Amino acid sequence: MIKRITGRTNPRVVRIVALGKPTERERGEWYFQRYVAHLPAAGEMVLFDRSWYNRAGVERVMGFCSDEEYEEFMRSTPSFERILMRSGLILVKYWLSISDEEQERRFEARINDPAKRWKLSPVDIEARARWVDYAEAKDEMFAYTDTKDSPWFVVEGDDKRAARLNLISHLLERIPYERLSPERIELPSRQERAYVRPPAETQTLVPARYVVE
């Protein structure tokens, strides 16, 4: 989904942030601190992959945070998000909803295809074993953070193509924008002067094993 959104945008103003495991120092920071560092400036867009909601999902289910840290997250998140929006940021939260049957089909497809197995991490495998725990964590997260000020928008995701189109259409409706495509560029004339290139034999070429007709 994120790749489809960014595929035809300017990477200088539209960025993807997918933070990994926190460092030892980051574990001693205010939880939201490392996310704040990646927030966009005016005219920019940042797409967070999971973002701070890792704490209410995988961290909660897998025991990567304490009960106290989890409870504090649930209490403080609505206030944190209101602060962001009062500061002028547009915050849009999407939850891609996939049926149990489709999720199972995708697991099997990745297991059976050697080119896709890399997509399954040890956490993904463990998540399947804790299927109900994740469902419960999601519902509890919604109970606390699906607010009037900052609602969760649920996208039916079994049909990937339809889900992408529906989400992108919805996103464009929520963000004021204007077309910024550059004007047609007039190419300058190519330089012309006498110059003899070195022969190709002096270069180290990649073997031409394939020829595309």
N, C-alpha and C. Protein backbone atom coordinates (compact mmCIF):
# COMPACT_ATOMS: atom_id res chain seq x y z
N MET A 1 0.82 -1.19 0.00
CA MET A 1 0.00 0.00 0.00
C MET A 1 0.87 1.26 0.00
N ILE A 2 1.87 1.28 0.87
CA ILE A 2 2.74 2.45 0.97
C ILE A 2 3.51 2.66 -0.33
N LYS A 3 3.97 1.57 -0.93
CA LYS A 3 4.69 1.69 -2.20
C LYS A 3 3.81 2.28 -3.29
N ARG A 4 2.52 1.93 -3.30
CA ARG A 4 1.61 2.47 -4.31
C ARG A 4 1.39 3.96 -4.09
N ILE A 5 1.32 4.39 -2.84
CA ILE A 5 1.11 5.80 -2.55
C ILE A 5 2.31 6.63 -2.97
N THR A 6 3.51 6.11 -2.72
CA THR A 6 4.73 6.88 -2.98
C THR A 6 5.29 6.67 -4.38
N GLY A 7 4.74 5.72 -5.12
CA GLY A 7 5.33 5.34 -6.40
C GLY A 7 5.47 6.48 -7.39
N ARG A 8 4.55 7.46 -7.36
CA ARG A 8 4.60 8.56 -8.32
C ARG A 8 4.69 9.91 -7.62
N THR A 9 5.29 9.91 -6.46
CA THR A 9 5.46 11.17 -5.73
C THR A 9 6.93 11.54 -5.64
N ASN A 10 7.18 12.77 -5.26
CA ASN A 10 8.55 13.29 -5.15
C ASN A 10 9.16 12.83 -3.83
N PRO A 11 10.21 12.01 -3.85
CA PRO A 11 10.79 11.51 -2.59
C PRO A 11 11.40 12.60 -1.72
N ARG A 12 11.58 13.79 -2.27
CA ARG A 12 12.11 14.88 -1.45
C ARG A 12 11.05 15.44 -0.50
N VAL A 13 9.78 15.21 -0.80
CA VAL A 13 8.73 15.75 0.06
C VAL A 13 7.82 14.65 0.62
N VAL A 14 7.89 13.44 0.08
CA VAL A 14 7.10 12.32 0.59
C VAL A 14 8.06 11.23 1.04
N ARG A 15 8.07 10.95 2.34
CA ARG A 15 9.03 10.00 2.89
C ARG A 15 8.32 8.83 3.56
N ILE A 16 9.01 7.70 3.62
CA ILE A 16 8.53 6.53 4.35
C ILE A 16 9.40 6.34 5.58
N VAL A 17 8.77 6.14 6.72
CA VAL A 17 9.50 5.89 7.96
C VAL A 17 9.04 4.55 8.52
N ALA A 18 9.95 3.62 8.61
CA ALA A 18 9.68 2.31 9.21
C ALA A 18 10.80 2.02 10.20
N LEU A 19 10.61 2.44 11.42
CA LEU A 19 11.65 2.33 12.42
C LEU A 19 11.82 0.89 12.89
N GLY A 20 13.05 0.51 13.10
CA GLY A 20 13.35 -0.82 13.59
C GLY A 20 13.35 -0.88 15.10
N LYS A 21 13.97 -1.91 15.60
CA LYS A 21 14.06 -2.11 17.05
C LYS A 21 14.79 -0.95 17.69
N PRO A 22 14.27 -0.38 18.77
CA PRO A 22 14.93 0.77 19.40
C PRO A 22 16.29 0.41 19.97
N THR A 23 17.19 1.37 19.93
CA THR A 23 18.51 1.18 20.52
C THR A 23 18.42 1.26 22.04
N GLU A 24 19.54 0.97 22.69
CA GLU A 24 19.56 1.04 24.15
C GLU A 24 19.23 2.46 24.61
N ARG A 25 19.77 3.47 23.92
CA ARG A 25 19.49 4.86 24.29
C ARG A 25 18.03 5.19 24.05
N GLU A 26 17.48 4.76 22.91
CA GLU A 26 16.09 5.06 22.59
C GLU A 26 15.13 4.44 23.58
N ARG A 27 15.50 3.29 24.15
CA ARG A 27 14.64 2.67 25.15
C ARG A 27 14.54 3.51 26.41
N GLY A 28 15.51 4.42 26.59
CA GLY A 28 15.47 5.30 27.75
C GLY A 28 14.83 6.65 27.47
N GLU A 29 14.35 6.85 26.24
CA GLU A 29 13.71 8.10 25.86
C GLU A 29 12.21 8.06 26.16
N TRP A 30 11.59 9.25 26.12
CA TRP A 30 10.14 9.33 26.06
C TRP A 30 9.69 8.52 24.86
N TYR A 31 8.66 7.70 25.01
CA TYR A 31 8.31 6.75 23.96
C TYR A 31 8.12 7.41 22.60
N PHE A 32 7.44 8.55 22.55
CA PHE A 32 7.13 9.18 21.26
C PHE A 32 8.31 9.96 20.67
N GLN A 33 9.39 10.04 21.42
CA GLN A 33 10.48 10.94 21.04
C GLN A 33 11.09 10.62 19.68
N ARG A 34 11.36 9.35 19.41
CA ARG A 34 12.02 9.03 18.15
C ARG A 34 11.07 9.14 16.97
N TYR A 35 9.75 9.10 17.21
CA TYR A 35 8.79 9.33 16.13
C TYR A 35 8.67 10.81 15.81
N VAL A 36 8.70 11.64 16.84
CA VAL A 36 8.60 13.09 16.64
C VAL A 36 9.71 13.58 15.73
N ALA A 37 10.89 12.98 15.85
CA ALA A 37 12.03 13.41 15.03
C ALA A 37 11.78 13.23 13.54
N HIS A 38 10.82 12.40 13.18
CA HIS A 38 10.56 12.12 11.77
C HIS A 38 9.30 12.79 11.24
N LEU A 39 8.65 13.60 12.05
CA LEU A 39 7.43 14.25 11.60
C LEU A 39 7.71 15.21 10.45
N PRO A 40 6.74 15.43 9.57
CA PRO A 40 6.98 16.28 8.39
C PRO A 40 6.94 17.76 8.73
N ALA A 41 7.62 18.53 7.90
CA ALA A 41 7.50 19.99 7.93
C ALA A 41 6.36 20.39 6.99
N ALA A 42 6.07 21.67 6.93
CA ALA A 42 4.99 22.15 6.06
C ALA A 42 5.27 21.75 4.61
N GLY A 43 4.26 21.21 3.95
CA GLY A 43 4.40 20.81 2.56
C GLY A 43 4.98 19.43 2.36
N GLU A 44 5.27 18.71 3.44
CA GLU A 44 5.81 17.36 3.36
C GLU A 44 4.78 16.33 3.81
N MET A 45 5.04 15.08 3.47
CA MET A 45 4.21 13.97 3.92
C MET A 45 5.12 12.84 4.38
N VAL A 46 4.78 12.27 5.51
CA VAL A 46 5.52 11.12 6.03
C VAL A 46 4.53 9.98 6.22
N LEU A 47 4.86 8.82 5.69
CA LEU A 47 4.04 7.63 5.88
C LEU A 47 4.75 6.72 6.87
N PHE A 48 4.16 6.59 8.04
CA PHE A 48 4.72 5.72 9.07
C PHE A 48 4.19 4.31 8.88
N ASP A 49 5.10 3.37 8.81
CA ASP A 49 4.72 1.96 8.75
C ASP A 49 4.58 1.46 10.18
N ARG A 50 3.35 1.36 10.65
CA ARG A 50 2.97 0.98 12.02
C ARG A 50 3.10 2.14 13.00
N SER A 51 4.14 2.94 12.90
CA SER A 51 4.35 4.10 13.75
C SER A 51 4.33 3.74 15.24
N TRP A 52 3.86 4.69 16.07
CA TRP A 52 3.90 4.48 17.51
C TRP A 52 2.93 3.41 17.97
N TYR A 53 2.05 2.96 17.07
CA TYR A 53 1.09 1.94 17.48
C TYR A 53 1.71 0.55 17.60
N ASN A 54 2.99 0.43 17.34
CA ASN A 54 3.68 -0.82 17.66
C ASN A 54 3.48 -1.21 19.13
N ARG A 55 3.43 -0.18 19.97
CA ARG A 55 3.32 -0.46 21.41
C ARG A 55 2.00 -1.13 21.75
N ALA A 56 0.94 -0.75 21.06
CA ALA A 56 -0.38 -1.33 21.35
C ALA A 56 -0.60 -2.65 20.65
N GLY A 57 0.29 -2.99 19.72
CA GLY A 57 0.13 -4.23 18.97
C GLY A 57 1.20 -5.24 19.31
N VAL A 58 2.25 -5.26 18.50
CA VAL A 58 3.27 -6.30 18.65
C VAL A 58 3.97 -6.23 20.00
N GLU A 59 4.26 -5.02 20.50
CA GLU A 59 4.94 -4.93 21.79
C GLU A 59 4.07 -5.47 22.92
N ARG A 60 2.78 -5.19 22.84
CA ARG A 60 1.86 -5.66 23.87
C ARG A 60 1.74 -7.19 23.83
N VAL A 61 1.51 -7.73 22.63
CA VAL A 61 1.27 -9.17 22.49
C VAL A 61 2.54 -9.98 22.77
N MET A 62 3.68 -9.49 22.29
CA MET A 62 4.91 -10.25 22.42
C MET A 62 5.65 -9.98 23.73
N GLY A 63 5.11 -9.09 24.54
CA GLY A 63 5.74 -8.82 25.83
C GLY A 63 6.98 -7.96 25.74
N PHE A 64 7.08 -7.12 24.69
CA PHE A 64 8.25 -6.26 24.53
C PHE A 64 8.16 -4.99 25.37
N CYS A 65 7.01 -4.76 25.99
CA CYS A 65 6.87 -3.62 26.89
C CYS A 65 6.17 -4.10 28.16
N SER A 66 6.31 -3.33 29.21
CA SER A 66 5.69 -3.70 30.48
C SER A 66 4.22 -3.27 30.48
N ASP A 67 3.45 -3.78 31.41
CA ASP A 67 2.05 -3.38 31.54
C ASP A 67 1.95 -1.88 31.82
N GLU A 68 2.86 -1.36 32.63
CA GLU A 68 2.84 0.06 32.95
C GLU A 68 3.11 0.90 31.71
N GLU A 69 4.08 0.49 30.89
CA GLU A 69 4.38 1.22 29.65
C GLU A 69 3.20 1.19 28.70
N TYR A 70 2.57 0.05 28.60
CA TYR A 70 1.40 -0.10 27.71
C TYR A 70 0.25 0.79 28.18
N GLU A 71 -0.05 0.76 29.46
CA GLU A 71 -1.14 1.56 29.99
C GLU A 71 -0.89 3.05 29.84
N GLU A 72 0.36 3.46 30.02
CA GLU A 72 0.70 4.87 29.84
C GLU A 72 0.54 5.27 28.37
N PHE A 73 0.92 4.38 27.48
CA PHE A 73 0.75 4.66 26.04
C PHE A 73 -0.72 4.88 25.72
N MET A 74 -1.58 4.01 26.19
CA MET A 74 -3.00 4.12 25.89
C MET A 74 -3.60 5.41 26.46
N ARG A 75 -3.13 5.82 27.62
CA ARG A 75 -3.64 7.06 28.22
C ARG A 75 -3.15 8.29 27.47
N SER A 76 -1.89 8.28 27.06
CA SER A 76 -1.28 9.50 26.53
C SER A 76 -1.45 9.68 25.02
N THR A 77 -1.71 8.61 24.28
CA THR A 77 -1.77 8.71 22.82
C THR A 77 -2.84 9.68 22.32
N PRO A 78 -4.08 9.65 22.80
CA PRO A 78 -5.05 10.62 22.30
C PRO A 78 -4.62 12.07 22.52
N SER A 79 -4.01 12.36 23.68
CA SER A 79 -3.52 13.72 23.94
C SER A 79 -2.38 14.06 23.01
N PHE A 80 -1.46 13.13 22.81
CA PHE A 80 -0.33 13.35 21.92
C PHE A 80 -0.82 13.67 20.50
N GLU A 81 -1.79 12.92 20.02
CA GLU A 81 -2.29 13.14 18.67
C GLU A 81 -3.03 14.48 18.55
N ARG A 82 -3.73 14.88 19.61
CA ARG A 82 -4.39 16.19 19.58
C ARG A 82 -3.37 17.31 19.52
N ILE A 83 -2.25 17.15 20.21
CA ILE A 83 -1.18 18.15 20.16
C ILE A 83 -0.66 18.29 18.72
N LEU A 84 -0.45 17.17 18.06
CA LEU A 84 0.04 17.21 16.68
C LEU A 84 -0.94 17.95 15.78
N MET A 85 -2.21 17.65 15.93
CA MET A 85 -3.20 18.27 15.05
C MET A 85 -3.39 19.76 15.37
N ARG A 86 -3.31 20.14 16.64
CA ARG A 86 -3.39 21.56 16.98
C ARG A 86 -2.20 22.33 16.44
N SER A 87 -1.09 21.62 16.23
CA SER A 87 0.11 22.26 15.68
C SER A 87 0.03 22.42 14.18
N GLY A 88 -1.03 21.92 13.55
CA GLY A 88 -1.21 22.09 12.12
C GLY A 88 -0.96 20.85 11.30
N LEU A 89 -0.54 19.74 11.93
CA LEU A 89 -0.32 18.52 11.17
C LEU A 89 -1.65 17.85 10.84
N ILE A 90 -1.71 17.23 9.69
CA ILE A 90 -2.86 16.42 9.31
C ILE A 90 -2.50 14.97 9.62
N LEU A 91 -3.23 14.38 10.54
CA LEU A 91 -2.96 13.01 10.97
C LEU A 91 -4.07 12.10 10.46
N VAL A 92 -3.69 11.11 9.69
CA VAL A 92 -4.67 10.15 9.16
C VAL A 92 -4.19 8.75 9.51
N LYS A 93 -5.07 7.97 10.14
CA LYS A 93 -4.70 6.63 10.60
C LYS A 93 -5.54 5.59 9.84
N TYR A 94 -4.84 4.64 9.23
CA TYR A 94 -5.52 3.59 8.48
C TYR A 94 -5.24 2.23 9.10
N TRP A 95 -6.27 1.40 9.14
CA TRP A 95 -6.13 0.00 9.56
C TRP A 95 -6.59 -0.86 8.40
N LEU A 96 -5.68 -1.69 7.89
CA LEU A 96 -6.03 -2.58 6.79
C LEU A 96 -6.59 -3.87 7.38
N SER A 97 -7.85 -4.12 7.13
CA SER A 97 -8.54 -5.26 7.71
C SER A 97 -8.56 -6.42 6.71
N ILE A 98 -8.06 -7.57 7.14
CA ILE A 98 -7.99 -8.75 6.28
C ILE A 98 -8.68 -9.90 6.99
N SER A 99 -9.49 -10.64 6.26
CA SER A 99 -10.21 -11.75 6.86
C SER A 99 -9.25 -12.86 7.27
N ASP A 100 -9.69 -13.71 8.19
CA ASP A 100 -8.87 -14.83 8.63
C ASP A 100 -8.49 -15.73 7.46
N GLU A 101 -9.45 -15.95 6.57
CA GLU A 101 -9.21 -16.84 5.43
C GLU A 101 -8.15 -16.27 4.49
N GLU A 102 -8.23 -14.96 4.23
CA GLU A 102 -7.26 -14.35 3.33
C GLU A 102 -5.88 -14.29 3.98
N GLN A 103 -5.84 -14.00 5.28
CA GLN A 103 -4.56 -13.98 5.98
C GLN A 103 -3.89 -15.34 5.93
N GLU A 104 -4.69 -16.39 6.12
CA GLU A 104 -4.15 -17.74 6.06
C GLU A 104 -3.64 -18.06 4.66
N ARG A 105 -4.37 -17.62 3.64
CA ARG A 105 -3.94 -17.87 2.26
C ARG A 105 -2.61 -17.18 1.98
N ARG A 106 -2.43 -15.97 2.49
CA ARG A 106 -1.19 -15.24 2.25
C ARG A 106 -0.02 -15.88 3.00
N PHE A 107 -0.27 -16.38 4.19
CA PHE A 107 0.77 -17.11 4.91
C PHE A 107 1.23 -18.31 4.09
N GLU A 108 0.28 -19.08 3.60
CA GLU A 108 0.60 -20.28 2.83
C GLU A 108 1.33 -19.91 1.55
N ALA A 109 0.91 -18.83 0.89
CA ALA A 109 1.55 -18.42 -0.35
C ALA A 109 3.02 -18.06 -0.12
N ARG A 110 3.30 -17.42 0.99
CA ARG A 110 4.68 -17.04 1.29
C ARG A 110 5.52 -18.25 1.68
N ILE A 111 4.92 -19.17 2.39
CA ILE A 111 5.65 -20.38 2.78
C ILE A 111 5.99 -21.23 1.56
N ASN A 112 5.07 -21.32 0.63
CA ASN A 112 5.24 -22.19 -0.54
C ASN A 112 6.06 -21.56 -1.65
N ASP A 113 6.30 -20.27 -1.60
CA ASP A 113 7.07 -19.59 -2.64
C ASP A 113 8.43 -19.18 -2.07
N PRO A 114 9.53 -19.82 -2.48
CA PRO A 114 10.85 -19.47 -1.94
C PRO A 114 11.21 -17.99 -2.12
N ALA A 115 10.66 -17.35 -3.15
CA ALA A 115 10.97 -15.94 -3.40
C ALA A 115 10.24 -15.02 -2.42
N LYS A 116 9.27 -15.56 -1.67
CA LYS A 116 8.50 -14.73 -0.75
C LYS A 116 8.74 -15.06 0.72
N ARG A 117 9.50 -16.14 0.97
CA ARG A 117 9.67 -16.56 2.37
C ARG A 117 10.36 -15.53 3.23
N TRP A 118 11.17 -14.69 2.61
CA TRP A 118 11.88 -13.67 3.38
C TRP A 118 10.91 -12.71 4.06
N LYS A 119 9.67 -12.63 3.55
CA LYS A 119 8.68 -11.72 4.12
C LYS A 119 8.17 -12.18 5.49
N LEU A 120 8.40 -13.45 5.80
CA LEU A 120 7.94 -13.99 7.07
C LEU A 120 9.07 -13.96 8.10
N SER A 121 8.97 -13.05 9.05
CA SER A 121 9.96 -12.96 10.11
C SER A 121 9.57 -13.88 11.25
N PRO A 122 10.49 -14.15 12.19
CA PRO A 122 10.12 -14.95 13.36
C PRO A 122 8.94 -14.36 14.13
N VAL A 123 8.84 -13.03 14.16
CA VAL A 123 7.71 -12.39 14.84
C VAL A 123 6.41 -12.69 14.09
N ASP A 124 6.46 -12.71 12.76
CA ASP A 124 5.26 -13.04 11.98
C ASP A 124 4.79 -14.46 12.28
N ILE A 125 5.73 -15.38 12.37
CA ILE A 125 5.37 -16.77 12.65
C ILE A 125 4.74 -16.88 14.04
N GLU A 126 5.33 -16.18 15.01
CA GLU A 126 4.79 -16.21 16.36
C GLU A 126 3.42 -15.53 16.42
N ALA A 127 3.25 -14.49 15.58
CA ALA A 127 1.97 -13.79 15.56
C ALA A 127 0.82 -14.71 15.15
N ARG A 128 1.12 -15.63 14.24
CA ARG A 128 0.08 -16.57 13.82
C ARG A 128 -0.35 -17.45 14.99
N ALA A 129 0.61 -17.82 15.82
CA ALA A 129 0.28 -18.65 16.98
C ALA A 129 -0.52 -17.86 18.02
N ARG A 130 -0.40 -16.52 17.97
CA ARG A 130 -1.11 -15.68 18.95
C ARG A 130 -2.22 -14.88 18.27
N TRP A 131 -2.89 -15.53 17.36
CA TRP A 131 -3.90 -14.89 16.52
C TRP A 131 -4.95 -14.13 17.34
N VAL A 132 -5.50 -14.79 18.34
CA VAL A 132 -6.57 -14.18 19.14
C VAL A 132 -6.01 -13.04 19.99
N ASP A 133 -4.78 -13.20 20.49
CA ASP A 133 -4.17 -12.13 21.28
C ASP A 133 -4.06 -10.85 20.46
N TYR A 134 -3.67 -10.98 19.19
CA TYR A 134 -3.55 -9.80 18.34
C TYR A 134 -4.91 -9.17 18.07
N ALA A 135 -5.93 -9.99 17.84
CA ALA A 135 -7.28 -9.46 17.63
C ALA A 135 -7.76 -8.69 18.85
N GLU A 136 -7.50 -9.25 20.02
CA GLU A 136 -7.91 -8.59 21.26
C GLU A 136 -7.15 -7.28 21.46
N ALA A 137 -5.84 -7.28 21.14
CA ALA A 137 -5.03 -6.07 21.28
C ALA A 137 -5.52 -4.97 20.34
N LYS A 138 -5.88 -5.36 19.13
CA LYS A 138 -6.39 -4.39 18.16
C LYS A 138 -7.68 -3.77 18.65
N ASP A 139 -8.60 -4.58 19.14
CA ASP A 139 -9.88 -4.06 19.61
C ASP A 139 -9.71 -3.13 20.81
N GLU A 140 -8.79 -3.49 21.70
CA GLU A 140 -8.53 -2.64 22.86
C GLU A 140 -7.89 -1.32 22.44
N MET A 141 -7.00 -1.39 21.46
CA MET A 141 -6.37 -0.18 20.94
C MET A 141 -7.42 0.76 20.35
N PHE A 142 -8.35 0.20 19.59
CA PHE A 142 -9.41 1.03 19.01
C PHE A 142 -10.27 1.66 20.10
N ALA A 143 -10.53 0.92 21.16
CA ALA A 143 -11.37 1.43 22.24
C ALA A 143 -10.77 2.69 22.86
N TYR A 144 -9.45 2.78 22.89
CA TYR A 144 -8.79 3.93 23.50
C TYR A 144 -8.47 5.03 22.48
N THR A 145 -8.13 4.65 21.25
CA THR A 145 -7.54 5.63 20.33
C THR A 145 -8.37 5.93 19.09
N ASP A 146 -9.52 5.28 18.93
CA ASP A 146 -10.41 5.61 17.83
C ASP A 146 -11.31 6.74 18.30
N THR A 147 -10.79 7.97 18.25
CA THR A 147 -11.45 9.12 18.84
C THR A 147 -12.12 9.97 17.76
N LYS A 148 -12.98 10.85 18.20
CA LYS A 148 -13.65 11.77 17.27
C LYS A 148 -12.63 12.68 16.60
N ASP A 149 -11.63 13.12 17.37
CA ASP A 149 -10.60 14.01 16.82
C ASP A 149 -9.69 13.29 15.83
N SER A 150 -9.38 12.03 16.14
CA SER A 150 -8.44 11.27 15.31
C SER A 150 -8.94 9.84 15.16
N PRO A 151 -9.91 9.62 14.27
CA PRO A 151 -10.47 8.27 14.13
C PRO A 151 -9.56 7.34 13.35
N TRP A 152 -9.77 6.06 13.54
CA TRP A 152 -9.15 5.06 12.69
C TRP A 152 -10.05 4.85 11.46
N PHE A 153 -9.45 4.82 10.29
CA PHE A 153 -10.19 4.51 9.07
C PHE A 153 -9.85 3.08 8.67
N VAL A 154 -10.87 2.24 8.63
CA VAL A 154 -10.68 0.82 8.35
C VAL A 154 -10.86 0.57 6.85
N VAL A 155 -9.89 -0.10 6.25
CA VAL A 155 -9.92 -0.41 4.83
C VAL A 155 -10.03 -1.92 4.67
N GLU A 156 -11.06 -2.38 3.99
CA GLU A 156 -11.20 -3.81 3.70
C GLU A 156 -10.09 -4.20 2.73
N GLY A 157 -9.23 -5.16 3.14
CA GLY A 157 -8.00 -5.40 2.40
C GLY A 157 -7.88 -6.74 1.70
N ASP A 158 -8.94 -7.55 1.66
CA ASP A 158 -8.81 -8.85 1.00
C ASP A 158 -8.46 -8.70 -0.47
N ASP A 159 -9.09 -7.74 -1.13
CA ASP A 159 -8.78 -7.44 -2.53
C ASP A 159 -7.75 -6.31 -2.53
N LYS A 160 -6.49 -6.65 -2.79
CA LYS A 160 -5.41 -5.68 -2.65
C LYS A 160 -5.59 -4.47 -3.57
N ARG A 161 -5.95 -4.72 -4.81
CA ARG A 161 -6.07 -3.61 -5.77
C ARG A 161 -7.20 -2.65 -5.36
N ALA A 162 -8.34 -3.21 -5.00
CA ALA A 162 -9.45 -2.37 -4.56
C ALA A 162 -9.09 -1.60 -3.30
N ALA A 163 -8.39 -2.26 -2.38
CA ALA A 163 -7.99 -1.61 -1.13
C ALA A 163 -7.08 -0.42 -1.41
N ARG A 164 -6.14 -0.60 -2.32
CA ARG A 164 -5.22 0.50 -2.65
C ARG A 164 -5.97 1.68 -3.24
N LEU A 165 -6.86 1.40 -4.18
CA LEU A 165 -7.62 2.48 -4.81
C LEU A 165 -8.52 3.19 -3.81
N ASN A 166 -9.19 2.43 -2.95
CA ASN A 166 -10.08 3.03 -1.96
C ASN A 166 -9.32 3.90 -0.97
N LEU A 167 -8.16 3.40 -0.51
CA LEU A 167 -7.39 4.17 0.46
C LEU A 167 -6.81 5.44 -0.16
N ILE A 168 -6.23 5.30 -1.33
CA ILE A 168 -5.63 6.49 -1.97
C ILE A 168 -6.69 7.53 -2.28
N SER A 169 -7.85 7.10 -2.76
CA SER A 169 -8.94 8.03 -3.03
C SER A 169 -9.36 8.75 -1.75
N HIS A 170 -9.48 8.01 -0.65
CA HIS A 170 -9.87 8.60 0.62
C HIS A 170 -8.81 9.56 1.13
N LEU A 171 -7.55 9.18 0.99
CA LEU A 171 -6.46 10.04 1.45
C LEU A 171 -6.44 11.37 0.71
N LEU A 172 -6.65 11.33 -0.59
CA LEU A 172 -6.64 12.55 -1.39
C LEU A 172 -7.79 13.49 -1.00
N GLU A 173 -8.89 12.91 -0.54
CA GLU A 173 -10.01 13.74 -0.11
C GLU A 173 -9.73 14.46 1.20
N ARG A 174 -8.81 13.94 1.99
CA ARG A 174 -8.54 14.50 3.31
C ARG A 174 -7.37 15.46 3.33
N ILE A 175 -6.61 15.51 2.26
CA ILE A 175 -5.42 16.37 2.23
C ILE A 175 -5.56 17.43 1.15
N PRO A 176 -5.55 18.71 1.50
CA PRO A 176 -5.61 19.75 0.47
C PRO A 176 -4.33 19.73 -0.36
N TYR A 177 -4.48 19.70 -1.66
CA TYR A 177 -3.30 19.64 -2.52
C TYR A 177 -3.60 20.32 -3.85
N GLU A 178 -2.57 20.62 -4.56
CA GLU A 178 -2.70 21.16 -5.91
C GLU A 178 -1.64 20.51 -6.79
N ARG A 179 -1.91 20.48 -8.06
CA ARG A 179 -0.98 19.85 -8.99
C ARG A 179 0.29 20.69 -9.09
N LEU A 180 1.42 20.04 -8.89
CA LEU A 180 2.70 20.73 -8.93
C LEU A 180 3.63 20.14 -9.99
N SER A 181 3.04 19.54 -11.00
CA SER A 181 3.87 18.98 -12.07
C SER A 181 4.64 20.11 -12.75
N PRO A 182 5.94 19.95 -12.95
CA PRO A 182 6.72 21.00 -13.61
C PRO A 182 6.21 21.26 -15.02
N GLU A 183 6.42 22.50 -15.47
CA GLU A 183 6.06 22.84 -16.84
C GLU A 183 6.93 22.03 -17.80
N ARG A 184 6.44 21.88 -19.01
CA ARG A 184 7.20 21.15 -20.02
C ARG A 184 8.58 21.78 -20.19
N ILE A 185 9.58 20.93 -20.21
CA ILE A 185 10.96 21.40 -20.29
C ILE A 185 11.45 21.39 -21.73
N GLU A 186 12.03 22.48 -22.12
CA GLU A 186 12.65 22.56 -23.44
C GLU A 186 14.11 22.15 -23.32
N LEU A 187 14.47 21.06 -23.95
CA LEU A 187 15.83 20.57 -23.85
C LEU A 187 16.78 21.45 -24.66
N PRO A 188 17.96 21.77 -24.12
CA PRO A 188 18.95 22.53 -24.89
C PRO A 188 19.55 21.66 -25.99
N SER A 189 20.10 22.30 -26.99
CA SER A 189 20.75 21.55 -28.07
C SER A 189 21.96 20.82 -27.51
N ARG A 190 22.18 19.61 -28.01
CA ARG A 190 23.35 18.85 -27.57
C ARG A 190 24.62 19.47 -28.11
N GLN A 191 25.64 19.40 -27.27
CA GLN A 191 26.94 19.94 -27.67
C GLN A 191 27.49 19.16 -28.86
N GLU A 192 28.07 19.85 -29.79
CA GLU A 192 28.67 19.21 -30.96
C GLU A 192 30.10 19.71 -31.13
N ARG A 193 31.03 18.79 -31.03
CA ARG A 193 32.43 19.07 -31.35
C ARG A 193 33.13 17.74 -31.59
N ALA A 194 34.22 17.80 -32.26
CA ALA A 194 34.94 16.58 -32.62
C ALA A 194 35.53 15.93 -31.37
N TYR A 195 35.20 14.65 -31.21
CA TYR A 195 35.73 13.89 -30.07
C TYR A 195 35.62 12.41 -30.40
N VAL A 196 36.70 11.66 -30.18
CA VAL A 196 36.72 10.23 -30.47
C VAL A 196 36.72 9.48 -29.15
N ARG A 197 35.70 8.66 -28.93
CA ARG A 197 35.60 7.89 -27.70
C ARG A 197 36.59 6.72 -27.72
N PRO A 198 37.06 6.29 -26.53
CA PRO A 198 37.94 5.11 -26.49
C PRO A 198 37.18 3.89 -27.00
N PRO A 199 37.87 2.93 -27.60
CA PRO A 199 37.19 1.74 -28.10
C PRO A 199 36.56 0.94 -26.97
N ALA A 200 35.43 0.28 -27.25
CA ALA A 200 34.72 -0.50 -26.24
C ALA A 200 35.59 -1.61 -25.66
N GLU A 201 36.56 -2.10 -26.45
CA GLU A 201 37.40 -3.19 -25.98
C GLU A 201 38.24 -2.81 -24.77
N THR A 202 38.37 -1.52 -24.51
CA THR A 202 39.18 -1.09 -23.36
C THR A 202 38.39 -1.11 -22.06
N GLN A 203 37.10 -1.42 -22.14
CA GLN A 203 36.24 -1.41 -20.96
C GLN A 203 35.92 -2.85 -20.53
N THR A 204 35.62 -3.00 -19.25
CA THR A 204 35.24 -4.31 -18.73
C THR A 204 33.71 -4.42 -18.80
N LEU A 205 33.25 -5.23 -19.74
CA LEU A 205 31.81 -5.31 -19.99
C LEU A 205 31.18 -6.49 -19.26
N VAL A 206 29.93 -6.34 -18.86
CA VAL A 206 29.13 -7.44 -18.32
C VAL A 206 28.80 -8.37 -19.48
N PRO A 207 29.03 -9.68 -19.33
CA PRO A 207 28.71 -10.61 -20.43
C PRO A 207 27.27 -10.49 -20.89
N ALA A 208 27.08 -10.45 -22.19
CA ALA A 208 25.72 -10.33 -22.76
C ALA A 208 25.11 -11.71 -22.90
N ARG A 209 24.66 -12.28 -21.80
CA ARG A 209 24.10 -13.61 -21.81
C ARG A 209 22.66 -13.63 -22.36
N TYR A 210 21.99 -12.49 -22.26
CA TYR A 210 20.60 -12.43 -22.68
C TYR A 210 20.40 -11.32 -23.70
N VAL A 211 19.54 -11.55 -24.63
CA VAL A 211 19.19 -10.56 -25.63
C VAL A 211 17.68 -10.44 -25.66
N VAL A 212 17.17 -9.23 -25.46
CA VAL A 212 15.72 -9.00 -25.49
C VAL A 212 15.33 -8.53 -26.89
N GLU A 213 14.45 -9.30 -27.49
CA GLU A 213 14.02 -8.96 -28.85
C GLU A 213 13.18 -7.69 -28.83
